[in-house]
Amino acid sequence: MSSAVGAAISQCKWLWYRQAEPRRLQDLQIFDDASRGPLGAVQLLVSLRARHLAFLGAVIAILILLFDPFLQQVVVYPTRLVASDKPALILRAERYGARSYEGLPLPSVVDLSMKASIYDGVFAIGNDADRKVQHKCPTGNCTWPEFSSLAVCSKCENITSLVKKACNNSGCYLLSLPNGPTLSGLGGQINATVTNISSSLNQIQASVFKFSTLISKRIKDPDDAYAMECAMWYCVQTYTASVEDSVISQRAIRSWRNDSAKLDEYSDLIYNVSAFDPNAEVNSTVFKVSHLAAKALNSFMSETFTGSGGINNTRSAFSSDVVQALYNTHNLTARLENLAVSMSNNIRQQNDSAASPSHGTAWKGETYVHVRWAWLSFPITVAGLALAFLIGTILETAHRDVLVWKSSNLALLFHGQDLDMTNPPMIHVNRASRMAQMAKNVKLHLTQTPDKDWKLVQR
């Protein structure tokens, strides 16, 4: 296209000189430069100032510089995710009945894996237990439809308003909760015990355990003391989960509990979702917790979260690391939620879970050809202008009865100089082809005249 526009600009040179008004000799060089590239086209724009058809050709010659960059943007090769044939799995549970590695039930103790999950949920720096659920995502990008699983839920309530204080001029020397823990003396202290204080939490059957804690970081400041009561229970949760760039994200969107499921010496905890909520959307209708596992976990949690401790200017002492972690926790509600998720993950990976994993979709990257049609608007516009310029030049050439000489240098020599055409005999040299034929027999020499000028001289 550049060569066609350049040839049309060269032809406009003859149209420029065909007009009635005489033109400068300098314009020959300007038209010639414009036909060769954009820099000359800029000079032609300045010279013509929209007074001739060649002005359009100069504009096109400049716009052609952007033709290829725009054209290169039309076709791109992005990557999209498509479903692969590899399986994506995430664990879920319908039963919790912890067993030993030999396959025997654990009658009175919590298995070590559950203990590890409890300690991890309490001691972890960040509340990121939801990222530790076992799953299989071979491509690093997976999604799962909604699925349900047996889990552990939690709730904490601030009961600071129930704290009773006994103070004197030296400070508050006694803090207590009704039927709950007490703090006496000065210095930062904590006391946690298994109690039943809050009326709202009484409505929750705490099938895992319930405890209350009284904490005072600065005992001399009575407003600094606060109390919390927390409960944990077995529940059925519905999740959504996805993996993006090998990082899993899991969120519980619905939760269901059975308030009639109580700890019993011989009966398992049965969670028959359909019997209590026929409209519940779950993968299974019956979830079960072994009474042996439930009693063992309740006993372990009650013992682990019961204790006291304190810290002063000289030393610190806590009855257990868990109690110390509770004292140092800034958000007990978030810490208990992290603990519940960690315990839920362990239940889902137990050998006794008796549930098939949830199947999802593993997505893989696929490169495809994408045509961005909008980027074609500029090349099409330029091509259309070039075609219009070419047609306009042809029509103007025919209208003004100008021969098609375009960029021929011979036309300047034959029709701009007095050359001797008698040897060989004179022939008509109007057409470019005949000028080329005649030029074979005309010999020129660049010589310096006596006045130190240079001139082409016929020999």
Protein backbone atom coordinates (compact mmCIF):
# COMPACT_ATOMS: atom_id res chain seq x y z
CA MET A 1 0.00 0.00 0.00
CA SER A 2 2.90 2.36 0.74
CA SER A 3 4.28 1.91 -2.79
CA ALA A 4 0.85 2.56 -4.35
CA VAL A 5 0.40 5.75 -2.30
CA GLY A 6 3.96 6.84 -3.17
CA ALA A 7 3.32 6.29 -6.88
CA ALA A 8 0.07 8.28 -6.69
CA ILE A 9 1.87 11.16 -4.96
CA SER A 10 4.48 11.13 -7.73
CA GLN A 11 1.73 11.31 -10.34
CA CYS A 12 0.19 14.25 -8.45
CA LYS A 13 3.44 16.08 -9.14
CA TRP A 14 2.55 16.28 -12.81
CA LEU A 15 -1.01 17.28 -11.93
CA TRP A 16 0.44 20.07 -9.78
CA TYR A 17 2.44 21.47 -12.70
CA ARG A 18 -0.47 20.96 -15.14
CA GLN A 19 -2.44 23.75 -13.48
CA ALA A 20 -2.66 27.16 -15.10
CA GLU A 21 -0.62 28.86 -12.41
CA PRO A 22 3.15 28.32 -12.65
CA ARG A 23 4.68 26.33 -9.80
CA ARG A 24 8.06 26.54 -8.09
CA LEU A 25 10.86 24.30 -9.23
CA GLN A 26 11.42 23.41 -5.57
CA ASP A 27 8.09 21.62 -5.55
CA LEU A 28 9.61 18.89 -7.73
CA GLN A 29 11.90 17.89 -4.86
CA ILE A 30 9.13 18.20 -2.27
CA PHE A 31 6.83 15.85 -4.22
CA ASP A 32 9.69 13.44 -4.82
CA ASP A 33 10.58 13.33 -1.10
CA ALA A 34 6.92 12.88 -0.15
CA SER A 35 6.66 9.83 -2.39
CA ARG A 36 9.57 8.21 -0.55
CA GLY A 37 8.55 8.45 3.10
CA PRO A 38 6.68 10.17 5.95
CA LEU A 39 9.29 12.90 6.54
CA GLY A 40 8.86 14.18 3.00
CA ALA A 41 5.08 13.80 3.42
CA VAL A 42 5.20 16.18 6.38
CA GLN A 43 7.06 18.73 4.25
CA LEU A 44 4.43 18.34 1.52
CA LEU A 45 1.64 18.93 4.07
CA VAL A 46 3.25 22.19 5.13
CA SER A 47 3.80 23.26 1.52
CA LEU A 48 0.38 22.42 0.08
CA ARG A 49 -1.87 23.27 3.05
CA ALA A 50 -4.84 21.27 1.74
CA ARG A 51 -4.80 22.99 -1.66
CA HIS A 52 -4.35 19.84 -3.74
CA LEU A 53 -5.25 16.17 -3.95
CA ALA A 54 -1.66 15.33 -2.98
CA PHE A 55 -2.41 16.69 0.50
CA LEU A 56 -4.60 13.62 1.14
CA GLY A 57 -1.81 11.38 -0.12
CA ALA A 58 0.65 12.98 2.30
CA VAL A 59 -1.75 12.43 5.21
CA ILE A 60 -2.11 8.77 4.21
CA ALA A 61 1.66 8.37 3.93
CA ILE A 62 1.98 9.49 7.56
CA LEU A 63 -0.93 7.38 8.82
CA ILE A 64 0.60 4.29 7.23
CA LEU A 65 3.26 4.42 9.96
CA LEU A 66 0.59 3.25 12.41
CA PHE A 67 -0.91 0.70 10.04
CA ASP A 68 1.21 -2.27 11.13
CA PRO A 69 1.05 -1.58 14.90
CA PHE A 70 -2.74 -1.48 14.75
CA LEU A 71 -2.84 -4.56 12.56
CA GLN A 72 -0.65 -6.47 15.04
CA GLN A 73 -3.19 -5.80 17.77
CA VAL A 74 -6.04 -7.42 15.85
CA VAL A 75 -5.04 -11.02 16.61
CA VAL A 76 -3.96 -11.94 20.14
CA TYR A 77 -3.37 -15.28 21.84
CA PRO A 78 -4.76 -15.08 25.39
CA THR A 79 -5.14 -17.98 27.80
CA ARG A 80 -8.45 -19.19 29.17
CA LEU A 81 -9.41 -21.90 31.63
CA VAL A 82 -11.11 -25.01 30.27
CA ALA A 83 -12.16 -28.14 32.07
CA SER A 84 -9.55 -30.88 32.12
CA ASP A 85 -10.12 -34.61 32.38
CA LYS A 86 -8.21 -34.81 35.68
CA PRO A 87 -10.24 -35.28 38.88
CA ALA A 88 -10.56 -32.54 41.51
CA LEU A 89 -11.39 -33.87 44.98
CA ILE A 90 -12.01 -32.32 48.39
CA LEU A 91 -12.65 -34.31 51.56
CA ARG A 92 -15.97 -34.31 53.39
CA ALA A 93 -17.29 -36.31 56.34
CA GLU A 94 -20.58 -37.92 57.32
CA ARG A 95 -19.32 -39.60 60.48
CA TYR A 96 -16.82 -38.95 63.25
CA GLY A 97 -15.78 -41.99 65.20
CA ALA A 98 -12.05 -41.72 65.74
CA ARG A 99 -10.11 -44.96 65.51
CA SER A 100 -6.54 -45.96 66.07
CA TYR A 101 -4.17 -46.83 63.24
CA GLU A 102 -4.96 -50.48 63.96
CA GLY A 103 -8.61 -49.79 63.16
CA LEU A 104 -9.80 -50.17 66.76
CA PRO A 105 -12.07 -47.53 68.34
CA LEU A 106 -10.58 -45.12 70.85
CA PRO A 107 -12.87 -45.45 73.88
CA SER A 108 -11.61 -42.75 76.22
CA VAL A 109 -8.86 -40.73 74.59
CA VAL A 110 -8.67 -38.30 71.68
CA ASP A 111 -6.53 -39.50 68.82
CA LEU A 112 -3.26 -37.68 68.27
CA SER A 113 -4.26 -36.18 64.92
CA MET A 114 -7.25 -34.42 66.52
CA LYS A 115 -5.05 -33.16 69.35
CA ALA A 116 -2.63 -31.76 66.78
CA SER A 117 -5.50 -30.00 64.99
CA ILE A 118 -6.73 -28.51 68.27
CA TYR A 119 -3.31 -27.18 69.20
CA ASP A 120 -2.79 -25.86 65.67
CA GLY A 121 -6.12 -24.02 65.80
CA VAL A 122 -5.23 -22.43 69.15
CA PHE A 123 -1.55 -21.65 68.61
CA ALA A 124 -1.55 -20.66 64.92
CA ILE A 125 -0.34 -17.11 64.27
CA GLY A 126 -3.00 -16.43 61.65
CA ASN A 127 -6.59 -17.62 61.42
CA ASP A 128 -6.01 -19.60 58.23
CA ALA A 129 -7.17 -23.10 59.12
CA ASP A 130 -9.62 -23.02 56.20
CA ARG A 131 -6.62 -23.15 53.84
CA LYS A 132 -5.42 -26.44 55.32
CA VAL A 133 -8.30 -28.69 54.28
CA GLN A 134 -7.10 -31.71 52.34
CA HIS A 135 -7.91 -31.57 48.66
CA LYS A 136 -6.59 -32.67 45.30
CA CYS A 137 -6.26 -30.13 42.53
CA PRO A 138 -3.82 -31.40 39.87
CA THR A 139 -3.94 -28.23 37.74
CA GLY A 140 -3.72 -25.59 40.48
CA ASN A 141 -7.14 -24.12 39.52
CA CYS A 142 -10.24 -26.00 40.63
CA THR A 143 -13.83 -25.36 41.63
CA TRP A 144 -16.36 -27.48 43.47
CA PRO A 145 -20.14 -27.30 43.61
CA GLU A 146 -21.77 -26.85 47.00
CA PHE A 147 -21.18 -29.81 49.28
CA SER A 148 -22.04 -30.64 52.91
CA SER A 149 -19.93 -32.17 55.64
CA LEU A 150 -19.98 -32.93 59.34
CA ALA A 151 -18.14 -30.12 61.10
CA VAL A 152 -17.58 -28.25 64.35
CA CYS A 153 -19.17 -24.84 64.89
CA SER A 154 -18.45 -22.21 67.51
CA LYS A 155 -19.90 -19.09 69.05
CA CYS A 156 -18.57 -16.63 71.60
CA GLU A 157 -20.48 -14.03 73.56
CA ASN A 158 -19.19 -11.09 75.54
CA ILE A 159 -20.48 -11.32 79.12
CA THR A 160 -18.38 -8.51 80.60
CA SER A 161 -21.55 -6.87 81.86
CA LEU A 162 -21.97 -9.78 84.31
CA VAL A 163 -18.57 -9.25 85.94
CA LYS A 164 -18.77 -8.24 89.60
CA LYS A 165 -15.94 -6.14 91.02
CA ALA A 166 -14.71 -5.51 94.55
CA CYS A 167 -12.42 -2.48 94.67
CA ASN A 168 -10.71 -0.20 97.17
CA ASN A 169 -8.37 2.76 96.97
CA SER A 170 -5.55 0.50 95.74
CA GLY A 171 -7.61 -0.92 92.91
CA CYS A 172 -9.96 -3.80 92.20
CA TYR A 173 -8.83 -6.80 94.19
CA LEU A 174 -11.64 -9.21 93.26
CA LEU A 175 -13.41 -9.87 89.96
CA SER A 176 -15.97 -12.64 89.57
CA LEU A 177 -18.65 -14.13 87.33
CA PRO A 178 -21.85 -15.69 88.64
CA ASN A 179 -21.17 -19.41 89.05
CA GLY A 180 -17.95 -18.84 87.12
CA PRO A 181 -14.28 -17.98 87.40
CA THR A 182 -12.86 -15.35 89.73
CA LEU A 183 -9.71 -13.21 89.78
CA SER A 184 -8.11 -11.95 92.99
CA GLY A 185 -5.07 -9.80 93.61
CA LEU A 186 -3.26 -7.32 91.40
CA GLY A 187 -1.56 -7.89 88.04
CA GLY A 188 -2.69 -9.33 84.68
CA GLN A 189 -4.63 -12.56 85.18
CA ILE A 190 -6.83 -15.09 83.43
CA ASN A 191 -9.15 -17.76 84.73
CA ALA A 192 -10.98 -20.12 82.41
CA THR A 193 -13.37 -22.89 83.40
CA VAL A 194 -16.24 -25.00 82.10
CA THR A 195 -19.39 -23.16 83.10
CA ASN A 196 -22.89 -22.30 81.99
CA ILE A 197 -23.54 -18.58 82.41
CA SER A 198 -25.06 -16.94 79.34
CA SER A 199 -28.75 -17.47 78.76
CA SER A 200 -28.41 -17.23 74.96
CA LEU A 201 -25.73 -19.92 74.84
CA ASN A 202 -27.87 -22.14 77.05
CA GLN A 203 -30.04 -22.71 73.99
CA ILE A 204 -27.10 -24.29 72.18
CA GLN A 205 -26.43 -27.92 72.95
CA ALA A 206 -22.67 -27.65 73.32
CA SER A 207 -21.95 -31.20 72.24
CA VAL A 208 -18.22 -30.50 72.08
CA PHE A 209 -17.85 -28.26 75.15
CA LYS A 210 -18.58 -24.85 76.65
CA PHE A 211 -16.34 -22.63 78.74
CA SER A 212 -16.08 -19.11 80.11
CA THR A 213 -13.01 -17.02 80.70
CA LEU A 214 -12.34 -13.93 82.79
CA ILE A 215 -9.34 -11.82 81.80
CA SER A 216 -7.83 -8.66 83.24
CA LYS A 217 -4.72 -7.33 81.55
CA ARG A 218 -4.33 -4.42 84.07
CA ILE A 219 -6.07 -5.26 87.31
CA LYS A 220 -5.82 -1.67 88.64
CA ASP A 221 -8.05 -0.53 85.82
CA PRO A 222 -11.50 -2.07 86.46
CA ASP A 223 -12.69 -1.13 82.95
CA ASP A 224 -9.93 -3.25 81.44
CA ALA A 225 -11.38 -6.55 82.61
CA TYR A 226 -13.56 -8.52 80.21
CA ALA A 227 -15.29 -11.89 80.17
CA MET A 228 -16.25 -14.21 77.34
CA GLU A 229 -18.31 -17.38 77.15
CA CYS A 230 -17.82 -19.72 74.20
CA ALA A 231 -19.47 -22.92 73.03
CA MET A 232 -18.52 -25.48 70.39
CA TRP A 233 -20.85 -28.10 68.95
CA TYR A 234 -21.11 -30.57 66.09
CA CYS A 235 -22.95 -29.27 63.06
CA VAL A 236 -23.53 -29.87 59.36
CA GLN A 237 -22.10 -27.17 57.12
CA THR A 238 -22.52 -26.51 53.42
CA TYR A 239 -19.38 -25.21 51.75
CA THR A 240 -18.19 -23.63 48.56
CA ALA A 241 -14.55 -24.14 47.70
CA SER A 242 -12.14 -23.21 44.95
CA VAL A 243 -8.42 -23.29 44.24
CA GLU A 244 -6.75 -20.44 42.38
CA ASP A 245 -3.03 -20.52 41.63
CA SER A 246 -2.70 -23.50 44.01
CA VAL A 247 -4.24 -21.55 46.95
CA ILE A 248 -7.47 -22.98 48.31
CA SER A 249 -10.35 -20.82 49.45
CA GLN A 250 -13.23 -22.38 51.38
CA ARG A 251 -16.32 -20.71 52.81
CA ALA A 252 -19.23 -22.08 54.84
CA ILE A 253 -22.44 -20.66 53.39
CA ARG A 254 -24.98 -22.56 55.52
CA SER A 255 -24.89 -24.30 58.88
CA TRP A 256 -27.35 -26.68 60.54
CA ARG A 257 -27.36 -28.14 64.04
CA ASN A 258 -29.52 -30.55 65.98
CA ASP A 259 -30.34 -29.07 69.38
CA SER A 260 -31.74 -32.41 70.50
CA ALA A 261 -28.41 -34.17 69.98
CA LYS A 262 -26.99 -34.52 73.49
CA LEU A 263 -24.01 -36.33 74.89
CA ASP A 264 -25.09 -39.76 76.04
CA GLU A 265 -23.29 -42.64 77.65
CA TYR A 266 -24.28 -45.19 75.03
CA SER A 267 -26.00 -43.40 72.10
CA ASP A 268 -24.34 -41.80 69.11
CA LEU A 269 -25.15 -38.22 68.13
CA ILE A 270 -27.40 -38.46 65.09
CA TYR A 271 -27.92 -35.50 62.78
CA ASN A 272 -30.81 -36.39 60.47
CA VAL A 273 -31.07 -33.22 58.44
CA SER A 274 -34.10 -34.18 56.37
CA ALA A 275 -36.13 -35.05 59.46
CA PHE A 276 -35.77 -31.52 60.85
CA ASP A 277 -35.35 -29.53 57.64
CA PRO A 278 -36.82 -31.21 54.52
CA ASN A 279 -35.66 -28.31 52.37
CA ALA A 280 -32.02 -28.50 53.44
CA GLU A 281 -29.64 -28.91 50.49
CA VAL A 282 -27.02 -31.42 51.68
CA ASN A 283 -25.13 -34.32 50.08
CA SER A 284 -26.37 -36.76 52.71
CA THR A 285 -29.33 -36.72 55.08
CA VAL A 286 -27.79 -38.54 58.05
CA PHE A 287 -24.60 -37.50 59.84
CA LYS A 288 -23.32 -39.26 62.94
CA VAL A 289 -20.85 -38.72 65.79
CA SER A 290 -19.77 -41.77 67.75
CA HIS A 291 -20.63 -41.47 71.45
CA LEU A 292 -17.15 -42.75 72.34
CA ALA A 293 -15.43 -40.07 70.23
CA ALA A 294 -17.82 -37.38 71.47
CA LYS A 295 -17.27 -38.22 75.17
CA ALA A 296 -13.50 -38.38 74.72
CA LEU A 297 -13.35 -35.05 72.90
CA ASN A 298 -15.63 -33.37 75.44
CA SER A 299 -13.45 -34.57 78.29
CA PHE A 300 -10.23 -33.48 76.59
CA MET A 301 -11.52 -30.02 75.61
CA SER A 302 -12.97 -29.37 79.07
CA GLU A 303 -9.68 -30.24 80.70
CA THR A 304 -7.54 -28.37 78.14
CA PHE A 305 -9.47 -25.11 78.35
CA THR A 306 -9.68 -25.05 82.14
CA GLY A 307 -6.91 -23.24 83.97
CA SER A 308 -5.57 -19.97 85.20
CA GLY A 309 -2.46 -17.86 85.14
CA GLY A 310 -1.06 -14.39 85.38
CA ILE A 311 1.76 -12.04 84.59
CA ASN A 312 3.40 -9.23 86.52
CA ASN A 313 6.59 -7.20 86.46
CA THR A 314 8.82 -10.09 87.53
CA ARG A 315 7.40 -13.31 86.13
CA SER A 316 4.54 -15.05 84.38
CA ALA A 317 2.91 -18.37 85.14
CA PHE A 318 0.07 -20.19 83.37
CA SER A 319 -1.40 -23.58 84.09
CA SER A 320 -1.08 -24.58 80.42
CA ASP A 321 0.06 -23.27 77.08
CA VAL A 322 -3.56 -23.15 75.91
CA VAL A 323 -4.53 -20.84 78.77
CA GLN A 324 -1.54 -18.62 77.96
CA ALA A 325 -2.68 -18.50 74.31
CA LEU A 326 -6.17 -17.45 75.43
CA TYR A 327 -4.65 -14.68 77.56
CA ASN A 328 -2.61 -13.37 74.62
CA THR A 329 -5.45 -13.61 72.11
CA HIS A 330 -6.81 -10.24 70.96
CA ASN A 331 -9.93 -11.71 69.33
CA LEU A 332 -11.22 -14.79 71.12
CA THR A 333 -14.18 -15.17 68.74
CA ALA A 334 -11.90 -15.39 65.68
CA ARG A 335 -9.56 -17.76 67.53
CA LEU A 336 -12.41 -20.14 68.38
CA GLU A 337 -13.66 -20.01 64.79
CA ASN A 338 -10.17 -20.96 63.60
CA LEU A 339 -10.12 -23.80 66.12
CA ALA A 340 -13.52 -25.04 64.88
CA VAL A 341 -12.31 -25.05 61.26
CA SER A 342 -9.13 -26.89 62.24
CA MET A 343 -11.15 -29.55 64.08
CA SER A 344 -13.57 -29.80 61.14
CA ASN A 345 -10.67 -30.41 58.78
CA ASN A 346 -9.48 -33.26 61.00
CA ILE A 347 -12.93 -34.86 61.07
CA ARG A 348 -13.04 -34.73 57.26
CA GLN A 349 -9.70 -36.50 56.92
CA GLN A 350 -10.38 -39.22 59.50
CA ASN A 351 -10.34 -42.79 58.23
CA ASP A 352 -13.76 -43.27 59.81
CA SER A 353 -15.42 -40.40 57.95
CA ALA A 354 -17.34 -42.89 55.75
CA ALA A 355 -18.01 -40.35 53.03
CA SER A 356 -16.83 -40.10 49.46
CA PRO A 357 -15.02 -36.87 48.60
CA SER A 358 -16.77 -34.12 46.71
CA HIS A 359 -15.89 -34.10 43.02
CA GLY A 360 -15.19 -30.81 41.30
CA THR A 361 -13.69 -29.50 38.08
CA ALA A 362 -9.98 -29.06 37.48
CA TRP A 363 -9.33 -26.20 35.09
CA LYS A 364 -6.32 -25.99 32.80
CA GLY A 365 -4.98 -23.11 30.76
CA GLU A 366 -5.63 -23.13 27.01
CA THR A 367 -4.23 -20.68 24.49
CA TYR A 368 -6.69 -19.62 21.80
CA VAL A 369 -6.89 -17.17 18.92
CA HIS A 370 -8.92 -14.04 19.66
CA VAL A 371 -9.70 -11.47 16.98
CA ARG A 372 -10.25 -7.95 18.30
CA TRP A 373 -12.25 -6.44 15.48
CA ALA A 374 -12.16 -2.91 16.88
CA TRP A 375 -8.43 -2.70 16.14
CA LEU A 376 -9.26 -3.19 12.45
CA SER A 377 -11.09 0.13 12.25
CA PHE A 378 -7.91 2.17 11.77
CA PRO A 379 -6.29 -0.08 9.10
CA ILE A 380 -9.60 -0.28 7.21
CA THR A 381 -9.97 3.49 7.35
CA VAL A 382 -6.42 4.03 6.08
CA ALA A 383 -6.89 1.44 3.35
CA GLY A 384 -10.16 3.10 2.33
CA LEU A 385 -8.51 6.53 2.18
CA ALA A 386 -5.63 5.08 0.16
CA LEU A 387 -8.05 3.52 -2.31
CA ALA A 388 -10.01 6.79 -2.60
CA PHE A 389 -6.75 8.72 -3.14
CA LEU A 390 -5.60 6.28 -5.82
CA ILE A 391 -8.95 6.44 -7.65
CA GLY A 392 -9.02 10.23 -7.34
CA THR A 393 -5.52 10.47 -8.82
CA ILE A 394 -6.50 8.25 -11.74
CA LEU A 395 -9.65 10.25 -12.45
CA GLU A 396 -7.81 13.58 -12.15
CA THR A 397 -5.05 12.33 -14.48
CA ALA A 398 -7.63 11.39 -17.10
CA HIS A 399 -9.56 14.64 -16.62
CA ARG A 400 -6.48 16.87 -17.11
CA ASP A 401 -5.14 14.74 -19.96
CA VAL A 402 -1.82 14.13 -18.17
CA LEU A 403 0.37 11.21 -19.12
CA VAL A 404 1.18 8.57 -16.52
CA TRP A 405 4.78 9.48 -15.71
CA LYS A 406 4.67 9.08 -11.93
CA SER A 407 8.27 9.16 -10.60
CA SER A 408 10.03 8.80 -13.95
CA ASN A 409 13.28 10.81 -14.10
CA LEU A 410 13.39 10.42 -17.85
CA ALA A 411 10.34 12.64 -18.19
CA LEU A 412 12.31 15.52 -16.71
CA LEU A 413 15.24 14.93 -19.02
CA PHE A 414 13.30 14.44 -22.21
CA HIS A 415 10.72 17.13 -21.58
CA GLY A 416 12.70 19.55 -19.47
CA GLN A 417 16.00 19.81 -21.43
CA ASP A 418 16.96 20.51 -25.06
CA LEU A 419 18.34 17.11 -26.10
CA ASP A 420 19.39 16.26 -29.65
CA MET A 421 17.03 13.56 -30.87
CA THR A 422 18.27 13.46 -34.48
CA ASN A 423 20.80 10.74 -33.89
CA PRO A 424 19.24 8.28 -33.84
CA PRO A 425 16.18 9.55 -35.73
CA MET A 426 13.55 11.36 -33.66
CA ILE A 427 10.67 9.31 -32.29
CA HIS A 428 7.79 10.33 -30.09
CA VAL A 429 8.82 10.06 -26.46
CA ASN A 430 5.68 10.95 -24.58
CA ARG A 431 5.09 7.61 -22.94
CA ALA A 432 7.36 6.27 -20.21
CA SER A 433 8.03 3.07 -22.17
CA ARG A 434 9.23 4.96 -25.23
CA MET A 435 11.33 7.29 -23.09
CA ALA A 436 12.99 4.22 -21.62
CA GLN A 437 13.65 2.87 -25.12
CA MET A 438 15.14 6.17 -26.32
CA ALA A 439 17.24 6.50 -23.13
CA LYS A 440 19.20 3.43 -24.16
CA ASN A 441 20.74 5.38 -27.04
CA VAL A 442 21.19 8.78 -25.36
CA LYS A 443 24.49 9.23 -23.56
CA LEU A 444 25.01 11.94 -20.93
CA HIS A 445 28.03 13.13 -19.05
CA LEU A 446 28.23 15.16 -15.84
CA THR A 447 30.75 17.86 -16.52
CA GLN A 448 31.84 21.11 -14.98
CA THR A 449 31.33 24.25 -17.04
CA PRO A 450 33.92 27.07 -17.28
CA ASP A 451 31.92 29.05 -14.70
CA LYS A 452 32.38 26.16 -12.22
CA ASP A 453 28.83 24.89 -12.61
CA TRP A 454 27.84 21.25 -13.05
CA LYS A 455 25.66 20.12 -15.92
CA LEU A 456 24.52 16.94 -17.66
CA VAL A 457 25.79 17.19 -21.22
CA GLN A 458 24.80 14.91 -24.10
CA ARG A 459 27.73 13.22 -25.82
